[in-house]
Amino acid sequence: IDGYQEKFRRSVYFITSEGTVMLSGSKQ
């Protein structure tokens, strides 16, 4: 995730179907 965020300048994160952020490289 961190590599793609740095390379493409976009946020990448994973959420569950309930909306909980499980894994993220985004400060937001």
mmCIF file of all heavy atoms, coordinates in Angstrom:
data_MODEL
# 
_entry.id   MODEL 
# 
loop_
_atom_site.group_PDB 
_atom_site.id 
_atom_site.type_symbol 
_atom_site.label_atom_id 
_atom_site.label_alt_id 
_atom_site.label_comp_id 
_atom_site.label_asym_id 
_atom_site.label_entity_id 
_atom_site.label_seq_id 
_atom_site.pdbx_PDB_ins_code 
_atom_site.Cartn_x 
_atom_site.Cartn_y 
_atom_site.Cartn_z 
_atom_site.occupancy 
_atom_site.B_iso_or_equiv 
_atom_site.pdbx_formal_charge 
_atom_site.auth_seq_id 
_atom_site.auth_comp_id 
_atom_site.auth_asym_id 
_atom_site.auth_atom_id 
_atom_site.pdbx_PDB_model_num 
ATOM 1   N N   . ILE A 1 1  ? 0.834   -1.202 0.000   1.00 0.00 ? 1  ILE A N   1 
ATOM 2   C CA  . ILE A 1 1  ? 0.000   0.000  0.000   1.00 0.00 ? 1  ILE A CA  1 
ATOM 3   C C   . ILE A 1 1  ? 0.869   1.253  0.000   1.00 0.00 ? 1  ILE A C   1 
ATOM 4   O O   . ILE A 1 1  ? 0.663   2.186  -0.776  1.00 0.00 ? 1  ILE A O   1 
ATOM 5   C CB  . ILE A 1 1  ? -0.941  0.000  1.219   1.00 0.00 ? 1  ILE A CB  1 
ATOM 6   C CG1 . ILE A 1 1  ? -2.012  -1.089 1.057   1.00 0.00 ? 1  ILE A CG1 1 
ATOM 7   C CG2 . ILE A 1 1  ? -1.595  1.358  1.406   1.00 0.00 ? 1  ILE A CG2 1 
ATOM 8   C CD1 . ILE A 1 1  ? -2.893  -1.247 2.256   1.00 0.00 ? 1  ILE A CD1 1 
ATOM 9   N N   . ASP A 1 2  ? 1.857   1.296  0.888   1.00 0.00 ? 2  ASP A N   1 
ATOM 10  C CA  . ASP A 1 2  ? 2.726   2.473  0.972   1.00 0.00 ? 2  ASP A CA  1 
ATOM 11  C C   . ASP A 1 2  ? 3.451   2.708  -0.340  1.00 0.00 ? 2  ASP A C   1 
ATOM 12  O O   . ASP A 1 2  ? 3.618   3.864  -0.771  1.00 0.00 ? 2  ASP A O   1 
ATOM 13  C CB  . ASP A 1 2  ? 3.747   2.285  2.108   1.00 0.00 ? 2  ASP A CB  1 
ATOM 14  C CG  . ASP A 1 2  ? 3.092   2.284  3.482   1.00 0.00 ? 2  ASP A CG  1 
ATOM 15  O OD1 . ASP A 1 2  ? 1.958   2.798  3.577   1.00 0.00 ? 2  ASP A OD1 1 
ATOM 16  O OD2 . ASP A 1 2  ? 3.690   1.771  4.437   1.00 0.00 ? 2  ASP A OD2 1 
ATOM 17  N N   . GLY A 1 3  ? 3.895   1.634  -0.984  1.00 0.00 ? 3  GLY A N   1 
ATOM 18  C CA  . GLY A 1 3  ? 4.590   1.769  -2.259  1.00 0.00 ? 3  GLY A CA  1 
ATOM 19  C C   . GLY A 1 3  ? 3.704   2.362  -3.330  1.00 0.00 ? 3  GLY A C   1 
ATOM 20  O O   . GLY A 1 3  ? 4.122   3.246  -4.095  1.00 0.00 ? 3  GLY A O   1 
ATOM 21  N N   . TYR A 1 4  ? 2.449   1.894  -3.414  1.00 0.00 ? 4  TYR A N   1 
ATOM 22  C CA  . TYR A 1 4  ? 1.536   2.421  -4.428  1.00 0.00 ? 4  TYR A CA  1 
ATOM 23  C C   . TYR A 1 4  ? 1.144   3.865  -4.132  1.00 0.00 ? 4  TYR A C   1 
ATOM 24  O O   . TYR A 1 4  ? 0.997   4.680  -5.043  1.00 0.00 ? 4  TYR A O   1 
ATOM 25  C CB  . TYR A 1 4  ? 0.285   1.547  -4.517  1.00 0.00 ? 4  TYR A CB  1 
ATOM 26  C CG  . TYR A 1 4  ? 0.438   0.435  -5.524  1.00 0.00 ? 4  TYR A CG  1 
ATOM 27  C CD1 . TYR A 1 4  ? 0.829   -0.835 -5.142  1.00 0.00 ? 4  TYR A CD1 1 
ATOM 28  C CD2 . TYR A 1 4  ? 0.224   0.670  -6.874  1.00 0.00 ? 4  TYR A CD2 1 
ATOM 29  C CE1 . TYR A 1 4  ? 0.986   -1.851 -6.068  1.00 0.00 ? 4  TYR A CE1 1 
ATOM 30  C CE2 . TYR A 1 4  ? 0.373   -0.326 -7.811  1.00 0.00 ? 4  TYR A CE2 1 
ATOM 31  C CZ  . TYR A 1 4  ? 0.754   -1.593 -7.400  1.00 0.00 ? 4  TYR A CZ  1 
ATOM 32  O OH  . TYR A 1 4  ? 0.919   -2.579 -8.332  1.00 0.00 ? 4  TYR A OH  1 
ATOM 33  N N   . GLN A 1 5  ? 0.990   4.197  -2.855  1.00 0.00 ? 5  GLN A N   1 
ATOM 34  C CA  . GLN A 1 5  ? 0.644   5.573  -2.520  1.00 0.00 ? 5  GLN A CA  1 
ATOM 35  C C   . GLN A 1 5  ? 1.763   6.527  -2.914  1.00 0.00 ? 5  GLN A C   1 
ATOM 36  O O   . GLN A 1 5  ? 1.513   7.616  -3.441  1.00 0.00 ? 5  GLN A O   1 
ATOM 37  C CB  . GLN A 1 5  ? 0.344   5.696  -1.023  1.00 0.00 ? 5  GLN A CB  1 
ATOM 38  C CG  . GLN A 1 5  ? -0.959  5.042  -0.632  1.00 0.00 ? 5  GLN A CG  1 
ATOM 39  C CD  . GLN A 1 5  ? -1.440  5.483  0.737   1.00 0.00 ? 5  GLN A CD  1 
ATOM 40  O OE1 . GLN A 1 5  ? -2.611  5.376  1.050   1.00 0.00 ? 5  GLN A OE1 1 
ATOM 41  N NE2 . GLN A 1 5  ? -0.552  5.960  1.575   1.00 0.00 ? 5  GLN A NE2 1 
ATOM 42  N N   . GLU A 1 6  ? 2.987   6.123  -2.644  1.00 0.00 ? 6  GLU A N   1 
ATOM 43  C CA  . GLU A 1 6  ? 4.120   6.986  -2.980  1.00 0.00 ? 6  GLU A CA  1 
ATOM 44  C C   . GLU A 1 6  ? 4.302   7.089  -4.494  1.00 0.00 ? 6  GLU A C   1 
ATOM 45  O O   . GLU A 1 6  ? 4.606   8.156  -5.024  1.00 0.00 ? 6  GLU A O   1 
ATOM 46  C CB  . GLU A 1 6  ? 5.393   6.435  -2.331  1.00 0.00 ? 6  GLU A CB  1 
ATOM 47  C CG  . GLU A 1 6  ? 6.625   7.276  -2.593  1.00 0.00 ? 6  GLU A CG  1 
ATOM 48  C CD  . GLU A 1 6  ? 7.847   6.726  -1.891  1.00 0.00 ? 6  GLU A CD  1 
ATOM 49  O OE1 . GLU A 1 6  ? 7.717   5.777  -1.086  1.00 0.00 ? 6  GLU A OE1 1 
ATOM 50  O OE2 . GLU A 1 6  ? 8.937   7.249  -2.145  1.00 0.00 ? 6  GLU A OE2 1 
ATOM 51  N N   . LYS A 1 7  ? 4.104   5.987  -5.192  1.00 0.00 ? 7  LYS A N   1 
ATOM 52  C CA  . LYS A 1 7  ? 4.341   5.964  -6.637  1.00 0.00 ? 7  LYS A CA  1 
ATOM 53  C C   . LYS A 1 7  ? 3.257   6.699  -7.406  1.00 0.00 ? 7  LYS A C   1 
ATOM 54  O O   . LYS A 1 7  ? 3.550   7.466  -8.328  1.00 0.00 ? 7  LYS A O   1 
ATOM 55  C CB  . LYS A 1 7  ? 4.430   4.510  -7.107  1.00 0.00 ? 7  LYS A CB  1 
ATOM 56  C CG  . LYS A 1 7  ? 4.725   4.357  -8.598  1.00 0.00 ? 7  LYS A CG  1 
ATOM 57  C CD  . LYS A 1 7  ? 4.885   2.883  -8.963  1.00 0.00 ? 7  LYS A CD  1 
ATOM 58  C CE  . LYS A 1 7  ? 5.199   2.712  -10.446 1.00 0.00 ? 7  LYS A CE  1 
ATOM 59  N NZ  . LYS A 1 7  ? 5.338   1.288  -10.820 1.00 0.00 ? 7  LYS A NZ  1 
ATOM 60  N N   . PHE A 1 8  ? 1.994   6.478  -7.039  1.00 0.00 ? 8  PHE A N   1 
ATOM 61  C CA  . PHE A 1 8  ? 0.891   7.011  -7.829  1.00 0.00 ? 8  PHE A CA  1 
ATOM 62  C C   . PHE A 1 8  ? 0.189   8.195  -7.169  1.00 0.00 ? 8  PHE A C   1 
ATOM 63  O O   . PHE A 1 8  ? -0.738  8.756  -7.731  1.00 0.00 ? 8  PHE A O   1 
ATOM 64  C CB  . PHE A 1 8  ? -0.144  5.912  -8.100  1.00 0.00 ? 8  PHE A CB  1 
ATOM 65  C CG  . PHE A 1 8  ? 0.392   4.776  -8.930  1.00 0.00 ? 8  PHE A CG  1 
ATOM 66  C CD1 . PHE A 1 8  ? 0.684   3.551  -8.351  1.00 0.00 ? 8  PHE A CD1 1 
ATOM 67  C CD2 . PHE A 1 8  ? 0.627   4.949  -10.273 1.00 0.00 ? 8  PHE A CD2 1 
ATOM 68  C CE1 . PHE A 1 8  ? 1.189   2.494  -9.111  1.00 0.00 ? 8  PHE A CE1 1 
ATOM 69  C CE2 . PHE A 1 8  ? 1.121   3.916  -11.048 1.00 0.00 ? 8  PHE A CE2 1 
ATOM 70  C CZ  . PHE A 1 8  ? 1.404   2.691  -10.464 1.00 0.00 ? 8  PHE A CZ  1 
ATOM 71  N N   . ARG A 1 9  ? 0.609   8.567  -5.948  1.00 0.00 ? 9  ARG A N   1 
ATOM 72  C CA  . ARG A 1 9  ? 0.030   9.702  -5.230  1.00 0.00 ? 9  ARG A CA  1 
ATOM 73  C C   . ARG A 1 9  ? -1.483  9.569  -5.082  1.00 0.00 ? 9  ARG A C   1 
ATOM 74  O O   . ARG A 1 9  ? -2.250  10.457 -5.463  1.00 0.00 ? 9  ARG A O   1 
ATOM 75  C CB  . ARG A 1 9  ? 0.383   11.015 -5.941  1.00 0.00 ? 9  ARG A CB  1 
ATOM 76  C CG  . ARG A 1 9  ? 1.871   11.323 -5.920  1.00 0.00 ? 9  ARG A CG  1 
ATOM 77  C CD  . ARG A 1 9  ? 2.167   12.657 -6.538  1.00 0.00 ? 9  ARG A CD  1 
ATOM 78  N NE  . ARG A 1 9  ? 3.585   12.961 -6.501  1.00 0.00 ? 9  ARG A NE  1 
ATOM 79  C CZ  . ARG A 1 9  ? 4.140   14.065 -6.982  1.00 0.00 ? 9  ARG A CZ  1 
ATOM 80  N NH1 . ARG A 1 9  ? 3.370   14.980 -7.540  1.00 0.00 ? 9  ARG A NH1 1 
ATOM 81  N NH2 . ARG A 1 9  ? 5.439   14.261 -6.919  1.00 0.00 ? 9  ARG A NH2 1 
ATOM 82  N N   . ARG A 1 10 ? -1.881  8.441  -4.571  1.00 0.00 ? 10 ARG A N   1 
ATOM 83  C CA  . ARG A 1 10 ? -3.287  8.218  -4.276  1.00 0.00 ? 10 ARG A CA  1 
ATOM 84  C C   . ARG A 1 10 ? -3.398  7.369  -3.020  1.00 0.00 ? 10 ARG A C   1 
ATOM 85  O O   . ARG A 1 10 ? -2.466  6.656  -2.669  1.00 0.00 ? 10 ARG A O   1 
ATOM 86  C CB  . ARG A 1 10 ? -3.986  7.548  -5.461  1.00 0.00 ? 10 ARG A CB  1 
ATOM 87  C CG  . ARG A 1 10 ? -3.432  6.212  -5.864  1.00 0.00 ? 10 ARG A CG  1 
ATOM 88  C CD  . ARG A 1 10 ? -3.720  5.897  -7.307  1.00 0.00 ? 10 ARG A CD  1 
ATOM 89  N NE  . ARG A 1 10 ? -3.103  6.856  -8.197  1.00 0.00 ? 10 ARG A NE  1 
ATOM 90  C CZ  . ARG A 1 10 ? -3.039  6.718  -9.502  1.00 0.00 ? 10 ARG A CZ  1 
ATOM 91  N NH1 . ARG A 1 10 ? -3.579  5.669  -10.083 1.00 0.00 ? 10 ARG A NH1 1 
ATOM 92  N NH2 . ARG A 1 10 ? -2.458  7.622  -10.257 1.00 0.00 ? 10 ARG A NH2 1 
ATOM 93  N N   . SER A 1 11 ? -4.528  7.446  -2.336  1.00 0.00 ? 11 SER A N   1 
ATOM 94  C CA  . SER A 1 11 ? -4.726  6.715  -1.087  1.00 0.00 ? 11 SER A CA  1 
ATOM 95  C C   . SER A 1 11 ? -5.233  5.313  -1.382  1.00 0.00 ? 11 SER A C   1 
ATOM 96  O O   . SER A 1 11 ? -6.086  5.116  -2.256  1.00 0.00 ? 11 SER A O   1 
ATOM 97  C CB  . SER A 1 11 ? -5.734  7.454  -0.197  1.00 0.00 ? 11 SER A CB  1 
ATOM 98  O OG  . SER A 1 11 ? -5.244  8.734  0.150   1.00 0.00 ? 11 SER A OG  1 
ATOM 99  N N   . VAL A 1 12 ? -4.701  4.339  -0.645  1.00 0.00 ? 12 VAL A N   1 
ATOM 100 C CA  . VAL A 1 12 ? -5.122  2.942  -0.780  1.00 0.00 ? 12 VAL A CA  1 
ATOM 101 C C   . VAL A 1 12 ? -5.444  2.427  0.619   1.00 0.00 ? 12 VAL A C   1 
ATOM 102 O O   . VAL A 1 12 ? -4.627  2.543  1.527   1.00 0.00 ? 12 VAL A O   1 
ATOM 103 C CB  . VAL A 1 12 ? -4.023  2.075  -1.422  1.00 0.00 ? 12 VAL A CB  1 
ATOM 104 C CG1 . VAL A 1 12 ? -4.492  0.633  -1.553  1.00 0.00 ? 12 VAL A CG1 1 
ATOM 105 C CG2 . VAL A 1 12 ? -3.623  2.623  -2.788  1.00 0.00 ? 12 VAL A CG2 1 
ATOM 106 N N   . TYR A 1 13 ? -6.650  1.874  0.788   1.00 0.00 ? 13 TYR A N   1 
ATOM 107 C CA  . TYR A 1 13 ? -7.018  1.323  2.093   1.00 0.00 ? 13 TYR A CA  1 
ATOM 108 C C   . TYR A 1 13 ? -8.070  0.234  1.908   1.00 0.00 ? 13 TYR A C   1 
ATOM 109 O O   . TYR A 1 13 ? -8.661  0.089  0.835   1.00 0.00 ? 13 TYR A O   1 
ATOM 110 C CB  . TYR A 1 13 ? -7.514  2.414  3.043   1.00 0.00 ? 13 TYR A CB  1 
ATOM 111 C CG  . TYR A 1 13 ? -8.623  3.289  2.508   1.00 0.00 ? 13 TYR A CG  1 
ATOM 112 C CD1 . TYR A 1 13 ? -9.954  3.065  2.864   1.00 0.00 ? 13 TYR A CD1 1 
ATOM 113 C CD2 . TYR A 1 13 ? -8.344  4.363  1.669   1.00 0.00 ? 13 TYR A CD2 1 
ATOM 114 C CE1 . TYR A 1 13 ? -10.964 3.872  2.391   1.00 0.00 ? 13 TYR A CE1 1 
ATOM 115 C CE2 . TYR A 1 13 ? -9.355  5.176  1.183   1.00 0.00 ? 13 TYR A CE2 1 
ATOM 116 C CZ  . TYR A 1 13 ? -10.661 4.925  1.550   1.00 0.00 ? 13 TYR A CZ  1 
ATOM 117 O OH  . TYR A 1 13 ? -11.676 5.727  1.076   1.00 0.00 ? 13 TYR A OH  1 
ATOM 118 N N   . PHE A 1 14 ? -8.271  -0.571 2.971   1.00 0.00 ? 14 PHE A N   1 
ATOM 119 C CA  . PHE A 1 14 ? -9.211  -1.685 2.941   1.00 0.00 ? 14 PHE A CA  1 
ATOM 120 C C   . PHE A 1 14 ? -10.262 -1.476 4.032   1.00 0.00 ? 14 PHE A C   1 
ATOM 121 O O   . PHE A 1 14 ? -9.929  -1.066 5.153   1.00 0.00 ? 14 PHE A O   1 
ATOM 122 C CB  . PHE A 1 14 ? -8.490  -3.014 3.199   1.00 0.00 ? 14 PHE A CB  1 
ATOM 123 C CG  . PHE A 1 14 ? -7.514  -3.401 2.126   1.00 0.00 ? 14 PHE A CG  1 
ATOM 124 C CD1 . PHE A 1 14 ? -6.214  -2.919 2.135   1.00 0.00 ? 14 PHE A CD1 1 
ATOM 125 C CD2 . PHE A 1 14 ? -7.876  -4.264 1.106   1.00 0.00 ? 14 PHE A CD2 1 
ATOM 126 C CE1 . PHE A 1 14 ? -5.305  -3.279 1.161   1.00 0.00 ? 14 PHE A CE1 1 
ATOM 127 C CE2 . PHE A 1 14 ? -6.974  -4.633 0.119   1.00 0.00 ? 14 PHE A CE2 1 
ATOM 128 C CZ  . PHE A 1 14 ? -5.684  -4.137 0.143   1.00 0.00 ? 14 PHE A CZ  1 
ATOM 129 N N   . ILE A 1 15 ? -11.522 -1.770 3.692   1.00 0.00 ? 15 ILE A N   1 
ATOM 130 C CA  . ILE A 1 15 ? -12.585 -1.672 4.685   1.00 0.00 ? 15 ILE A CA  1 
ATOM 131 C C   . ILE A 1 15 ? -13.396 -2.962 4.679   1.00 0.00 ? 15 ILE A C   1 
ATOM 132 O O   . ILE A 1 15 ? -13.402 -3.711 3.695   1.00 0.00 ? 15 ILE A O   1 
ATOM 133 C CB  . ILE A 1 15 ? -13.521 -0.472 4.414   1.00 0.00 ? 15 ILE A CB  1 
ATOM 134 C CG1 . ILE A 1 15 ? -14.279 -0.657 3.088   1.00 0.00 ? 15 ILE A CG1 1 
ATOM 135 C CG2 . ILE A 1 15 ? -12.754 0.836  4.423   1.00 0.00 ? 15 ILE A CG2 1 
ATOM 136 C CD1 . ILE A 1 15 ? -15.363 0.385  2.853   1.00 0.00 ? 15 ILE A CD1 1 
ATOM 137 N N   . THR A 1 16 ? -14.068 -3.210 5.789   1.00 0.00 ? 16 THR A N   1 
ATOM 138 C CA  . THR A 1 16 ? -14.988 -4.342 5.869   1.00 0.00 ? 16 THR A CA  1 
ATOM 139 C C   . THR A 1 16 ? -16.342 -3.913 5.314   1.00 0.00 ? 16 THR A C   1 
ATOM 140 O O   . THR A 1 16 ? -16.577 -2.735 5.020   1.00 0.00 ? 16 THR A O   1 
ATOM 141 C CB  . THR A 1 16 ? -15.149 -4.802 7.322   1.00 0.00 ? 16 THR A CB  1 
ATOM 142 O OG1 . THR A 1 16 ? -15.750 -3.730 8.083   1.00 0.00 ? 16 THR A OG1 1 
ATOM 143 C CG2 . THR A 1 16 ? -13.796 -5.152 7.933   1.00 0.00 ? 16 THR A CG2 1 
ATOM 144 N N   . SER A 1 17 ? -17.241 -4.873 5.204   1.00 0.00 ? 17 SER A N   1 
ATOM 145 C CA  . SER A 1 17 ? -18.577 -4.543 4.700   1.00 0.00 ? 17 SER A CA  1 
ATOM 146 C C   . SER A 1 17 ? -19.327 -3.640 5.675   1.00 0.00 ? 17 SER A C   1 
ATOM 147 O O   . SER A 1 17 ? -20.282 -2.963 5.290   1.00 0.00 ? 17 SER A O   1 
ATOM 148 C CB  . SER A 1 17 ? -19.377 -5.827 4.462   1.00 0.00 ? 17 SER A CB  1 
ATOM 149 O OG  . SER A 1 17 ? -19.442 -6.604 5.645   1.00 0.00 ? 17 SER A OG  1 
ATOM 150 N N   . GLU A 1 18 ? -18.869 -3.620 6.952   1.00 0.00 ? 18 GLU A N   1 
ATOM 151 C CA  . GLU A 1 18 ? -19.503 -2.744 7.932   1.00 0.00 ? 18 GLU A CA  1 
ATOM 152 C C   . GLU A 1 18 ? -18.913 -1.331 7.911   1.00 0.00 ? 18 GLU A C   1 
ATOM 153 O O   . GLU A 1 18 ? -19.429 -0.426 8.571   1.00 0.00 ? 18 GLU A O   1 
ATOM 154 C CB  . GLU A 1 18 ? -19.356 -3.318 9.346   1.00 0.00 ? 18 GLU A CB  1 
ATOM 155 C CG  . GLU A 1 18 ? -20.137 -4.605 9.595   1.00 0.00 ? 18 GLU A CG  1 
ATOM 156 C CD  . GLU A 1 18 ? -19.443 -5.817 8.979   1.00 0.00 ? 18 GLU A CD  1 
ATOM 157 O OE1 . GLU A 1 18 ? -18.199 -5.755 8.802   1.00 0.00 ? 18 GLU A OE1 1 
ATOM 158 O OE2 . GLU A 1 18 ? -20.135 -6.805 8.662   1.00 0.00 ? 18 GLU A OE2 1 
ATOM 159 N N   . GLY A 1 19 ? -17.797 -1.147 7.184   1.00 0.00 ? 19 GLY A N   1 
ATOM 160 C CA  . GLY A 1 19 ? -17.204 0.186  7.078   1.00 0.00 ? 19 GLY A CA  1 
ATOM 161 C C   . GLY A 1 19 ? -16.003 0.431  7.952   1.00 0.00 ? 19 GLY A C   1 
ATOM 162 O O   . GLY A 1 19 ? -15.502 1.553  8.007   1.00 0.00 ? 19 GLY A O   1 
ATOM 163 N N   . THR A 1 20 ? -15.501 -0.609 8.637   1.00 0.00 ? 20 THR A N   1 
ATOM 164 C CA  . THR A 1 20 ? -14.304 -0.443 9.464   1.00 0.00 ? 20 THR A CA  1 
ATOM 165 C C   . THR A 1 20 ? -13.056 -0.479 8.593   1.00 0.00 ? 20 THR A C   1 
ATOM 166 O O   . THR A 1 20 ? -12.921 -1.352 7.743   1.00 0.00 ? 20 THR A O   1 
ATOM 167 C CB  . THR A 1 20 ? -14.215 -1.546 10.526  1.00 0.00 ? 20 THR A CB  1 
ATOM 168 O OG1 . THR A 1 20 ? -15.400 -1.515 11.338  1.00 0.00 ? 20 THR A OG1 1 
ATOM 169 C CG2 . THR A 1 20 ? -12.987 -1.359 11.416  1.00 0.00 ? 20 THR A CG2 1 
ATOM 170 N N   . VAL A 1 21 ? -12.174 0.480  8.793   1.00 0.00 ? 21 VAL A N   1 
ATOM 171 C CA  . VAL A 1 21 ? -10.914 0.520  8.044   1.00 0.00 ? 21 VAL A CA  1 
ATOM 172 C C   . VAL A 1 21 ? -9.958  -0.489 8.674   1.00 0.00 ? 21 VAL A C   1 
ATOM 173 O O   . VAL A 1 21 ? -9.530  -0.333 9.812   1.00 0.00 ? 21 VAL A O   1 
ATOM 174 C CB  . VAL A 1 21 ? -10.295 1.934  8.066   1.00 0.00 ? 21 VAL A CB  1 
ATOM 175 C CG1 . VAL A 1 21 ? -8.978  1.955  7.296   1.00 0.00 ? 21 VAL A CG1 1 
ATOM 176 C CG2 . VAL A 1 21 ? -11.261 2.953  7.477   1.00 0.00 ? 21 VAL A CG2 1 
ATOM 177 N N   . MET A 1 22 ? -9.624  -1.542 7.920   1.00 0.00 ? 22 MET A N   1 
ATOM 178 C CA  . MET A 1 22 ? -8.779  -2.614 8.448   1.00 0.00 ? 22 MET A CA  1 
ATOM 179 C C   . MET A 1 22 ? -7.302  -2.354 8.218   1.00 0.00 ? 22 MET A C   1 
ATOM 180 O O   . MET A 1 22 ? -6.464  -2.684 9.058   1.00 0.00 ? 22 MET A O   1 
ATOM 181 C CB  . MET A 1 22 ? -9.175  -3.947 7.799   1.00 0.00 ? 22 MET A CB  1 
ATOM 182 C CG  . MET A 1 22 ? -10.603 -4.360 8.073   1.00 0.00 ? 22 MET A CG  1 
ATOM 183 S SD  . MET A 1 22 ? -10.951 -4.540 9.843   1.00 0.00 ? 22 MET A SD  1 
ATOM 184 C CE  . MET A 1 22 ? -9.871  -5.924 10.254  1.00 0.00 ? 22 MET A CE  1 
ATOM 185 N N   . LEU A 1 23 ? -6.967  -1.805 7.081   1.00 0.00 ? 23 LEU A N   1 
ATOM 186 C CA  . LEU A 1 23 ? -5.565  -1.611 6.726   1.00 0.00 ? 23 LEU A CA  1 
ATOM 187 C C   . LEU A 1 23 ? -5.479  -0.381 5.840   1.00 0.00 ? 23 LEU A C   1 
ATOM 188 O O   . LEU A 1 23 ? -6.263  -0.236 4.902   1.00 0.00 ? 23 LEU A O   1 
ATOM 189 C CB  . LEU A 1 23 ? -5.031  -2.839 5.981   1.00 0.00 ? 23 LEU A CB  1 
ATOM 190 C CG  . LEU A 1 23 ? -3.524  -2.946 5.752   1.00 0.00 ? 23 LEU A CG  1 
ATOM 191 C CD1 . LEU A 1 23 ? -2.784  -2.982 7.078   1.00 0.00 ? 23 LEU A CD1 1 
ATOM 192 C CD2 . LEU A 1 23 ? -3.200  -4.198 4.951   1.00 0.00 ? 23 LEU A CD2 1 
ATOM 193 N N   . SER A 1 24 ? -4.529  0.510  6.150   1.00 0.00 ? 24 SER A N   1 
ATOM 194 C CA  . SER A 1 24 ? -4.487  1.766  5.410   1.00 0.00 ? 24 SER A CA  1 
ATOM 195 C C   . SER A 1 24 ? -3.091  2.365  5.463   1.00 0.00 ? 24 SER A C   1 
ATOM 196 O O   . SER A 1 24 ? -2.373  2.213  6.454   1.00 0.00 ? 24 SER A O   1 
ATOM 197 C CB  . SER A 1 24 ? -5.508  2.755  5.998   1.00 0.00 ? 24 SER A CB  1 
ATOM 198 O OG  . SER A 1 24 ? -5.359  4.028  5.412   1.00 0.00 ? 24 SER A OG  1 
ATOM 199 N N   . GLY A 1 25 ? -2.742  3.053  4.385   1.00 0.00 ? 25 GLY A N   1 
ATOM 200 C CA  . GLY A 1 25 ? -1.525  3.857  4.369   1.00 0.00 ? 25 GLY A CA  1 
ATOM 201 C C   . GLY A 1 25 ? -1.872  5.330  4.322   1.00 0.00 ? 25 GLY A C   1 
ATOM 202 O O   . GLY A 1 25 ? -1.009  6.173  4.151   1.00 0.00 ? 25 GLY A O   1 
ATOM 203 N N   . SER A 1 26 ? -3.156  5.650  4.450   1.00 0.00 ? 26 SER A N   1 
ATOM 204 C CA  . SER A 1 26 ? -3.632  7.018  4.317   1.00 0.00 ? 26 SER A CA  1 
ATOM 205 C C   . SER A 1 26 ? -3.752  7.674  5.684   1.00 0.00 ? 26 SER A C   1 
ATOM 206 O O   . SER A 1 26 ? -4.232  7.062  6.646   1.00 0.00 ? 26 SER A O   1 
ATOM 207 C CB  . SER A 1 26 ? -4.997  7.028  3.613   1.00 0.00 ? 26 SER A CB  1 
ATOM 208 O OG  . SER A 1 26 ? -5.598  8.298  3.700   1.00 0.00 ? 26 SER A OG  1 
ATOM 209 N N   . LYS A 1 27 ? -3.315  8.933  5.785   1.00 0.00 ? 27 LYS A N   1 
ATOM 210 C CA  . LYS A 1 27 ? -3.464  9.681  7.034   1.00 0.00 ? 27 LYS A CA  1 
ATOM 211 C C   . LYS A 1 27 ? -4.922  10.049 7.278   1.00 0.00 ? 27 LYS A C   1 
ATOM 212 O O   . LYS A 1 27 ? -5.332  10.266 8.410   1.00 0.00 ? 27 LYS A O   1 
ATOM 213 C CB  . LYS A 1 27 ? -2.605  10.948 6.982   1.00 0.00 ? 27 LYS A CB  1 
ATOM 214 C CG  . LYS A 1 27 ? -1.112  10.666 6.923   1.00 0.00 ? 27 LYS A CG  1 
ATOM 215 C CD  . LYS A 1 27 ? -0.323  11.959 6.885   1.00 0.00 ? 27 LYS A CD  1 
ATOM 216 C CE  . LYS A 1 27 ? 1.174   11.668 6.825   1.00 0.00 ? 27 LYS A CE  1 
ATOM 217 N NZ  . LYS A 1 27 ? 1.976   12.911 6.743   1.00 0.00 ? 27 LYS A NZ  1 
ATOM 218 N N   . GLN A 1 28 ? -5.699  10.122 6.221   1.00 0.00 ? 28 GLN A N   1 
ATOM 219 C CA  . GLN A 1 28 ? -7.111  10.470 6.353   1.00 0.00 ? 28 GLN A CA  1 
ATOM 220 C C   . GLN A 1 28 ? -7.931  9.287  6.848   1.00 0.00 ? 28 GLN A C   1 
ATOM 221 O O   . GLN A 1 28 ? -8.852  9.448  7.646   1.00 0.00 ? 28 GLN A O   1 
ATOM 222 C CB  . GLN A 1 28 ? -7.642  10.951 5.011   1.00 0.00 ? 28 GLN A CB  1 
ATOM 223 C CG  . GLN A 1 28 ? -9.126  11.284 5.013   1.00 0.00 ? 28 GLN A CG  1 
ATOM 224 C CD  . GLN A 1 28 ? -9.615  11.641 3.629   1.00 0.00 ? 28 GLN A CD  1 
ATOM 225 O OE1 . GLN A 1 28 ? -8.849  12.082 2.778   1.00 0.00 ? 28 GLN A OE1 1 
ATOM 226 N NE2 . GLN A 1 28 ? -10.900 11.440 3.386   1.00 0.00 ? 28 GLN A NE2 1 
# 
